[in-house]
Protein backbone atom coordinates (compact mmCIF):
# COMPACT_ATOMS: atom_id res chain seq x y z
CA MET A 1 54.46 8.66 36.44
CA ALA A 2 57.00 11.37 35.22
CA SER A 3 54.75 13.19 32.83
CA TRP A 4 51.58 13.14 35.05
CA LEU A 5 54.15 15.01 37.54
CA ARG A 6 55.32 17.55 34.86
CA ASP A 7 51.29 18.25 34.24
CA ALA A 8 50.87 18.61 38.06
CA SER A 9 53.98 21.26 37.93
CA ASP A 10 52.79 22.88 34.93
CA GLY A 11 49.28 23.16 36.40
CA LEU A 12 50.79 24.67 39.84
CA GLY A 13 52.69 27.24 37.98
CA HIS A 14 50.40 30.12 38.42
CA LEU A 15 51.01 29.61 42.34
CA GLN A 16 54.08 31.78 42.13
CA ASN A 17 51.77 34.63 41.03
CA THR A 18 48.61 34.11 43.01
CA ALA A 19 50.48 32.73 46.38
CA PRO A 20 50.96 36.62 47.76
CA LEU A 21 47.26 37.21 46.82
CA LEU A 22 46.20 33.95 48.48
CA TRP A 23 47.83 35.06 51.73
CA ASN A 24 46.55 38.29 51.87
CA ALA A 25 43.28 37.04 51.35
CA ALA A 26 43.63 34.21 54.22
CA ARG A 27 45.16 36.93 56.29
CA ASP A 28 41.96 39.40 55.54
CA LEU A 29 39.87 36.71 56.52
CA ARG A 30 40.97 35.65 60.03
CA HIS A 31 38.48 37.22 61.78
CA LEU A 32 35.98 35.25 60.44
CA GLN A 33 36.70 32.26 62.89
CA ASP A 34 35.43 34.71 65.70
CA SER A 35 32.53 35.67 63.70
CA VAL A 36 31.32 31.92 62.85
CA HIS A 37 29.04 31.89 66.08
CA LEU A 38 27.24 35.19 65.46
CA LEU A 39 26.68 34.33 61.79
CA GLN A 40 24.98 30.99 62.93
CA SER A 41 23.27 32.59 65.06
CA ALA A 42 21.78 35.62 62.69
CA THR A 43 21.02 32.35 60.37
CA GLU A 44 19.07 30.73 62.72
CA GLY A 45 17.26 34.02 63.21
CA VAL A 46 16.10 34.09 59.81
CA ARG A 47 15.18 30.94 59.57
CA GLY A 48 13.21 32.13 62.28
CA SER A 49 11.63 35.17 60.65
CA VAL A 50 10.70 33.05 57.53
CA ASP A 51 8.38 30.85 59.45
CA ILE A 52 7.05 34.12 61.29
CA ALA A 53 6.28 35.55 58.00
CA MET A 54 5.13 32.19 56.63
CA ALA A 55 2.45 32.36 59.89
CA LEU A 56 1.37 35.81 59.24
CA ARG A 57 0.78 35.07 55.35
CA ASP A 58 -1.32 32.26 56.32
CA GLY A 59 -3.10 34.70 59.03
CA ALA A 60 -3.69 37.35 56.34
CA ASP A 61 -5.08 34.83 53.77
CA GLN A 62 -7.70 33.53 56.79
CA LEU A 63 -8.54 36.99 57.44
CA MET A 64 -9.53 37.66 53.95
CA GLN A 65 -11.55 34.80 53.64
CA ALA A 66 -12.96 35.61 57.08
CA GLU A 67 -13.99 39.04 55.75
CA GLY A 68 -15.73 37.59 52.82
CA LEU A 69 -17.75 35.15 55.19
CA ILE A 70 -18.70 38.47 57.38
CA ILE A 71 -19.70 40.31 53.92
CA GLN A 72 -22.03 37.05 53.25
CA LEU A 73 -23.14 37.07 56.81
CA LYS A 74 -24.09 40.70 56.55
CA GLN A 75 -25.88 40.20 53.32
CA ALA A 76 -27.77 37.18 54.55
CA ALA A 77 -28.85 39.19 57.62
CA THR A 78 -30.29 42.35 55.39
CA GLU A 79 -32.33 39.26 53.67
CA LEU A 80 -33.50 38.00 56.79
CA ARG A 81 -34.74 41.10 58.03
CA ARG A 82 -36.32 42.11 54.59
CA ALA A 83 -38.39 39.01 54.63
CA ARG A 84 -39.59 39.52 58.11
CA GLY A 85 -40.47 42.90 57.00
CA GLU A 86 -38.04 44.86 58.82
CA TYR A 87 -35.88 47.61 57.10
């Protein structure tokens, strides 16, 4: 047990040097507790933006497919007119 306590105290020996740094960091981050709600709302907004971006991408894919169909329909209409003797 004594050796375990000695090892633990050796592992914590750096705290005398890092304690002021940790204290300053904690002091500088105090305001974050007030910002948690804002950060959560921003995160939810970003998540919604991802959904919108995916929907836009899917819509663009469908439009590209529709454009190909429109070109095919125009070609078919032209061929039908030619077959009927219309130009």
